[in-house]
Structures are given as C-alpha cells and as structure tokens.
Amino acid sequence: MSTSYKFTLNGKAAEVAGPPMARLLDVLRRDLGLTGSKEGCGEGECGACTVLLNNEAVCSCLVPLFQVEGASIVTIEGITVPGDKVTELQRVFATEGGAQCGACTPGMIVTIKALLDRYPKPTRDQVREYVSGTLCRCTGYERIFRAVEVLTGQRPAEGDGPEDPRT
C-alpha cells in the first residue's frame, strides 16, 4: 500500500508516495535522486546516512517514511551557502584533513552542522559526543576535531601557529 507524504526537503516543499515503512534513506536516494547520504551499515550504527530531521541529526536508514509527514529534512545537498557550493564547514573540513575516504563525510558534516547550530563554540567533549554516532575509519577523529576547532576560532588553521605538528 502506497501513501503520499508531504514534507520540506532542503528548504523546498516535497511530496513522495511510498509504503509507510519505506526507509527514508532509500526514498532520498532512489526516489528523489539525493545520493549524498550514504548507506553504510543499514542498521543505524555508522552514521553515514545522517540527515537533519526537524533540526536533529538522525540516521535516515532507521526513519520510516511515515515519520516525515509534515517534517523538515535537510540532507548534505541542502547544506549550502547561497551562490556558493561549499560552506565554510565543508572547506575547513577538507583543508584540515577531516575528510579522507569520504564514506563518513556527508554524515559527519550534517552531524557537525547540528552540533554547531546548538553549540556555536563547542568543547571537544561536545564534539566527541555528537560525532560518536558517525563511524570514521580514516582520520582517527583528531582531524575532525581540529576542523571544528579551526572553524569556531578555537585553534589556528594548520600551519598558522605554534600548534603546527610540522614545526
């Protein structure tokens, strides 16, 4: 049985028909062509499919379609700056080495956006808590923490100060 669901997707009205228990991740990727959210584990353990649902970071592989009725959803594709394809968060993430293989990057960026919306100058413990649900096998998280600290002005960019590991 297919039902129609209306919601806001990346700031625009959207409507999609599907079974109530269809996974939001599948609807985003297959039906709406938004492939930025990645399927990692399919069980809500890795965070690669993270989206914002009513401003909260959630694993879209765990969200049934019926739960999006009337909701606001933001995917990695919706995290942009008008007239610019890359946000400052995305730029710093790349320049500080927070993104390596890319498997976790969309989910990590979305999760960090939720963190920064709540805590504009988060402590390292707050960053650690927020990203704990997003598995990264490449960076050891240190570069991710560094990117957030650079972005929020809590640390100089690599090469800009005495904390440069190359000196």
C-alpha atoms as a PDB file:
ATOM      1  CA  MET A   1       0.000   0.000   0.000  1.00  0.00           C
ATOM      2  CA  SER A   2       1.390   3.373  -1.035  1.00  0.00           C
ATOM      3  CA  THR A   3       0.582   6.621   0.739  1.00  0.00           C
ATOM      4  CA  SER A   4       1.566  10.179  -0.132  1.00  0.00           C
ATOM      5  CA  TYR A   5       3.706  12.139   2.333  1.00  0.00           C
ATOM      6  CA  LYS A   6       4.338  15.891   2.304  1.00  0.00           C
ATOM      7  CA  PHE A   7       7.384  17.444   3.953  1.00  0.00           C
ATOM      8  CA  THR A   8      10.037  20.105   3.472  1.00  0.00           C
ATOM      9  CA  LEU A   9      13.241  18.864   1.879  1.00  0.00           C
ATOM     10  CA  ASN A  10      16.274  21.137   1.822  1.00  0.00           C
ATOM     11  CA  GLY A  11      14.022  24.173   2.210  1.00  0.00           C
ATOM     12  CA  LYS A  12      11.521  23.254  -0.528  1.00  0.00           C
ATOM     13  CA  ALA A  13       8.116  21.595  -0.411  1.00  0.00           C
ATOM     14  CA  ALA A  14       8.290  17.910  -1.327  1.00  0.00           C
ATOM     15  CA  GLU A  15       5.833  15.090  -1.717  1.00  0.00           C
ATOM     16  CA  VAL A  16       6.541  11.429  -2.245  1.00  0.00           C
ATOM     17  CA  ALA A  17       4.394   8.343  -2.367  1.00  0.00           C
ATOM     18  CA  GLY A  18       5.533   5.082  -0.885  1.00  0.00           C
ATOM     19  CA  PRO A  19       4.908   2.396   1.684  1.00  0.00           C
ATOM     20  CA  PRO A  20       4.773   3.791   5.231  1.00  0.00           C
ATOM     21  CA  MET A  21       7.721   1.652   6.352  1.00  0.00           C
ATOM     22  CA  ALA A  22       9.989   2.511   3.401  1.00  0.00           C
ATOM     23  CA  ARG A  23      13.335   3.730   4.721  1.00  0.00           C
ATOM     24  CA  LEU A  24      13.917   7.458   4.320  1.00  0.00           C
ATOM     25  CA  LEU A  25      17.428   6.681   3.047  1.00  0.00           C
ATOM     26  CA  ASP A  26      16.010   4.661   0.131  1.00  0.00           C
ATOM     27  CA  VAL A  27      13.424   7.310  -0.684  1.00  0.00           C
ATOM     28  CA  LEU A  28      16.074  10.042  -0.712  1.00  0.00           C
ATOM     29  CA  ARG A  29      18.495   8.091  -2.882  1.00  0.00           C
ATOM     30  CA  ARG A  30      16.195   6.128  -5.195  1.00  0.00           C
ATOM     31  CA  ASP A  31      13.056   8.239  -5.485  1.00  0.00           C
ATOM     32  CA  LEU A  32      14.438  11.759  -5.049  1.00  0.00           C
ATOM     33  CA  GLY A  33      17.927  11.314  -6.547  1.00  0.00           C
ATOM     34  CA  LEU A  34      19.723  12.698  -3.484  1.00  0.00           C
ATOM     35  CA  THR A  35      22.682  10.328  -3.266  1.00  0.00           C
ATOM     36  CA  GLY A  36      24.815  12.314  -0.823  1.00  0.00           C
ATOM     37  CA  SER A  37      23.559  10.319   2.145  1.00  0.00           C
ATOM     38  CA  LYS A  38      25.438   7.032   2.027  1.00  0.00           C
ATOM     39  CA  GLU A  39      24.352   3.598   3.101  1.00  0.00           C
ATOM     40  CA  GLY A  40      26.985   2.140   5.353  1.00  0.00           C
ATOM     41  CA  CYS A  41      25.583  -0.424   7.735  1.00  0.00           C
ATOM     42  CA  GLY A  42      21.828  -0.088   7.199  1.00  0.00           C
ATOM     43  CA  GLU A  43      21.350  -0.516  10.966  1.00  0.00           C
ATOM     44  CA  GLY A  44      21.929   2.981  12.376  1.00  0.00           C
ATOM     45  CA  GLU A  45      25.380   2.098  13.679  1.00  0.00           C
ATOM     46  CA  CYS A  46      27.699   4.008  11.321  1.00  0.00           C
ATOM     47  CA  GLY A  47      26.053   7.402  10.719  1.00  0.00           C
ATOM     48  CA  ALA A  48      26.948   7.587   7.009  1.00  0.00           C
ATOM     49  CA  CYS A  49      23.284   8.230   6.162  1.00  0.00           C
ATOM     50  CA  THR A  50      22.744  11.032   8.686  1.00  0.00           C
ATOM     51  CA  VAL A  51      20.278  13.788   7.798  1.00  0.00           C
ATOM     52  CA  LEU A  52      18.641  16.523   9.842  1.00  0.00           C
ATOM     53  CA  LEU A  53      15.037  15.711  10.712  1.00  0.00           C
ATOM     54  CA  ASN A  54      13.427  18.738  12.352  1.00  0.00           C
ATOM     55  CA  ASN A  55      16.967  20.014  13.102  1.00  0.00           C
ATOM     56  CA  GLU A  56      18.058  16.788  14.822  1.00  0.00           C
ATOM     57  CA  ALA A  57      20.736  14.521  13.352  1.00  0.00           C
ATOM     58  CA  VAL A  58      19.215  11.090  12.643  1.00  0.00           C
ATOM     59  CA  CYS A  59      20.245   8.005  10.689  1.00  0.00           C
ATOM     60  CA  SER A  60      17.941   8.014   7.679  1.00  0.00           C
ATOM     61  CA  CYS A  61      18.231   4.218   7.399  1.00  0.00           C
ATOM     62  CA  LEU A  62      16.179   3.982  10.616  1.00  0.00           C
ATOM     63  CA  VAL A  63      13.463   6.505   9.735  1.00  0.00           C
ATOM     64  CA  PRO A  64      10.291   5.075   8.201  1.00  0.00           C
ATOM     65  CA  LEU A  65       8.691   7.255   5.551  1.00  0.00           C
ATOM     66  CA  PHE A  66       5.508   7.828   7.572  1.00  0.00           C
ATOM     67  CA  GLN A  67       7.551   9.770  10.166  1.00  0.00           C
ATOM     68  CA  VAL A  68       8.470  12.507   7.686  1.00  0.00           C
ATOM     69  CA  GLU A  69       4.905  13.727   7.174  1.00  0.00           C
ATOM     70  CA  GLY A  70       4.981  17.467   7.880  1.00  0.00           C
ATOM     71  CA  ALA A  71       8.644  17.345   8.888  1.00  0.00           C
ATOM     72  CA  SER A  72      11.653  19.327   7.744  1.00  0.00           C
ATOM     73  CA  ILE A  73      14.529  17.291   6.315  1.00  0.00           C
ATOM     74  CA  VAL A  74      17.972  18.595   5.387  1.00  0.00           C
ATOM     75  CA  THR A  75      20.438  16.367   3.560  1.00  0.00           C
ATOM     76  CA  ILE A  76      24.082  17.054   2.737  1.00  0.00           C
ATOM     77  CA  GLU A  77      22.823  18.516  -0.557  1.00  0.00           C
ATOM     78  CA  GLY A  78      20.812  21.068   1.423  1.00  0.00           C
ATOM     79  CA  ILE A  79      23.775  22.339   3.426  1.00  0.00           C
ATOM     80  CA  THR A  80      24.878  25.150   1.160  1.00  0.00           C
ATOM     81  CA  VAL A  81      25.578  28.851   1.105  1.00  0.00           C
ATOM     82  CA  PRO A  82      23.548  30.891  -1.411  1.00  0.00           C
ATOM     83  CA  GLY A  83      25.643  31.375  -4.531  1.00  0.00           C
ATOM     84  CA  ASP A  84      28.326  29.010  -3.252  1.00  0.00           C
ATOM     85  CA  LYS A  85      28.523  25.245  -3.443  1.00  0.00           C
ATOM     86  CA  VAL A  86      30.848  24.805  -0.453  1.00  0.00           C
ATOM     87  CA  THR A  87      30.146  26.029   3.064  1.00  0.00           C
ATOM     88  CA  GLU A  88      32.896  27.181   5.380  1.00  0.00           C
ATOM     89  CA  LEU A  89      32.385  23.973   7.362  1.00  0.00           C
ATOM     90  CA  GLN A  90      32.976  21.878   4.245  1.00  0.00           C
ATOM     91  CA  ARG A  91      36.020  23.943   3.230  1.00  0.00           C
ATOM     92  CA  VAL A  92      37.670  23.693   6.651  1.00  0.00           C
ATOM     93  CA  PHE A  93      36.819  20.008   6.842  1.00  0.00           C
ATOM     94  CA  ALA A  94      38.756  19.486   3.607  1.00  0.00           C
ATOM     95  CA  THR A  95      41.706  21.769   4.370  1.00  0.00           C
ATOM     96  CA  GLU A  96      42.225  20.350   7.866  1.00  0.00           C
ATOM     97  CA  GLY A  97      42.054  16.738   6.692  1.00  0.00           C
ATOM     98  CA  GLY A  98      38.723  15.935   8.325  1.00  0.00           C
ATOM     99  CA  ALA A  99      37.619  14.216   5.124  1.00  0.00           C
ATOM    100  CA  GLN A 100      39.691  11.373   3.779  1.00  0.00           C
ATOM    101  CA  CYS A 101      37.985   8.415   2.063  1.00  0.00           C
ATOM    102  CA  GLY A 102      34.613  10.215   2.025  1.00  0.00           C
ATOM    103  CA  ALA A 103      32.410   7.384   3.289  1.00  0.00           C
ATOM    104  CA  CYS A 104      31.515   9.164   6.520  1.00  0.00           C
ATOM    105  CA  THR A 105      31.921  12.730   5.263  1.00  0.00           C
ATOM    106  CA  PRO A 106      28.289  13.573   4.380  1.00  0.00           C
ATOM    107  CA  GLY A 107      27.003  12.157   7.666  1.00  0.00           C
ATOM    108  CA  MET A 108      29.812  13.816   9.607  1.00  0.00           C
ATOM    109  CA  ILE A 109      29.175  17.242   8.022  1.00  0.00           C
ATOM    110  CA  VAL A 110      25.431  17.007   8.720  1.00  0.00           C
ATOM    111  CA  THR A 111      26.102  15.913  12.308  1.00  0.00           C
ATOM    112  CA  ILE A 112      28.583  18.741  12.902  1.00  0.00           C
ATOM    113  CA  LYS A 113      26.107  21.239  11.445  1.00  0.00           C
ATOM    114  CA  ALA A 114      23.552  20.082  14.031  1.00  0.00           C
ATOM    115  CA  LEU A 115      26.217  20.463  16.734  1.00  0.00           C
ATOM    116  CA  LEU A 116      27.177  23.986  15.630  1.00  0.00           C
ATOM    117  CA  ASP A 117      23.536  25.053  15.386  1.00  0.00           C
ATOM    118  CA  ARG A 118      23.155  24.098  19.046  1.00  0.00           C
ATOM    119  CA  TYR A 119      26.649  25.000  20.328  1.00  0.00           C
ATOM    120  CA  PRO A 120      28.412  27.668  18.208  1.00  0.00           C
ATOM    121  CA  LYS A 121      31.693  27.169  20.123  1.00  0.00           C
ATOM    122  CA  PRO A 122      31.528  23.552  21.238  1.00  0.00           C
ATOM    123  CA  THR A 123      34.004  21.993  23.609  1.00  0.00           C
ATOM    124  CA  ARG A 124      35.984  18.999  22.417  1.00  0.00           C
ATOM    125  CA  ASP A 125      33.805  16.802  24.652  1.00  0.00           C
ATOM    126  CA  GLN A 126      30.659  18.140  22.958  1.00  0.00           C
ATOM    127  CA  VAL A 127      32.166  17.459  19.515  1.00  0.00           C
ATOM    128  CA  ARG A 128      33.202  13.982  20.640  1.00  0.00           C
ATOM    129  CA  GLU A 129      29.686  13.256  21.927  1.00  0.00           C
ATOM    130  CA  TYR A 130      27.977  14.470  18.746  1.00  0.00           C
ATOM    131  CA  VAL A 131      30.213  12.604  16.311  1.00  0.00           C
ATOM    132  CA  SER A 132      30.256   9.403  18.375  1.00  0.00           C
ATOM    133  CA  GLY A 133      27.424   8.034  16.247  1.00  0.00           C
ATOM    134  CA  THR A 134      29.316   8.549  12.988  1.00  0.00           C
ATOM    135  CA  LEU A 135      31.986   5.975  12.324  1.00  0.00           C
ATOM    136  CA  CYS A 136      35.217   7.198  10.718  1.00  0.00           C
ATOM    137  CA  ARG A 137      37.900   4.652   9.982  1.00  0.00           C
ATOM    138  CA  CYS A 138      40.410   7.011   8.330  1.00  0.00           C
ATOM    139  CA  THR A 139      41.023  10.112  10.436  1.00  0.00           C
ATOM    140  CA  GLY A 140      41.150   8.800  13.970  1.00  0.00           C
ATOM    141  CA  TYR A 141      38.781  11.747  14.617  1.00  0.00           C
ATOM    142  CA  GLU A 142      41.643  14.105  15.564  1.00  0.00           C
ATOM    143  CA  ARG A 143      41.474  15.911  12.203  1.00  0.00           C
ATOM    144  CA  ILE A 144      37.704  16.171  12.534  1.00  0.00           C
ATOM    145  CA  PHE A 145      38.028  17.726  15.989  1.00  0.00           C
ATOM    146  CA  ARG A 146      40.696  20.062  14.642  1.00  0.00           C
ATOM    147  CA  ALA A 147      38.457  21.168  11.752  1.00  0.00           C
ATOM    148  CA  VAL A 148      35.653  22.107  14.159  1.00  0.00           C
ATOM    149  CA  GLU A 149      38.105  23.978  16.406  1.00  0.00           C
ATOM    150  CA  VAL A 150      39.543  25.891  13.425  1.00  0.00           C
ATOM    151  CA  LEU A 151      36.076  26.705  12.139  1.00  0.00           C
ATOM    152  CA  THR A 152      34.954  28.056  15.511  1.00  0.00           C
ATOM    153  CA  GLY A 153      38.134  30.075  16.049  1.00  0.00           C
ATOM    154  CA  GLN A 154      39.329  27.934  18.939  1.00  0.00           C
ATOM    155  CA  ARG A 155      42.525  26.907  17.155  1.00  0.00           C
ATOM    156  CA  PRO A 156      44.584  28.341  14.295  1.00  0.00           C
ATOM    157  CA  ALA A 157      44.478  26.623  10.936  1.00  0.00           C
ATOM    158  CA  GLU A 158      47.271  24.124  10.353  1.00  0.00           C
ATOM    159  CA  GLY A 159      50.483  25.948   9.589  1.00  0.00           C
ATOM    160  CA  ASP A 160      49.277  29.225  11.142  1.00  0.00           C
ATOM    161  CA  GLY A 161      50.721  28.854  14.592  1.00  0.00           C
ATOM    162  CA  PRO A 162      52.877  27.029  17.085  1.00  0.00           C
ATOM    163  CA  GLU A 163      50.487  24.063  17.162  1.00  0.00           C
ATOM    164  CA  ASP A 164      51.587  23.107  13.650  1.00  0.00           C
ATOM    165  CA  PRO A 165      52.778  19.487  14.005  1.00  0.00           C
ATOM    166  CA  ARG A 166      55.397  20.038  11.268  1.00  0.00           C
ATOM    167  CA  THR A 167      57.396  22.527  13.387  1.00  0.00           C
END
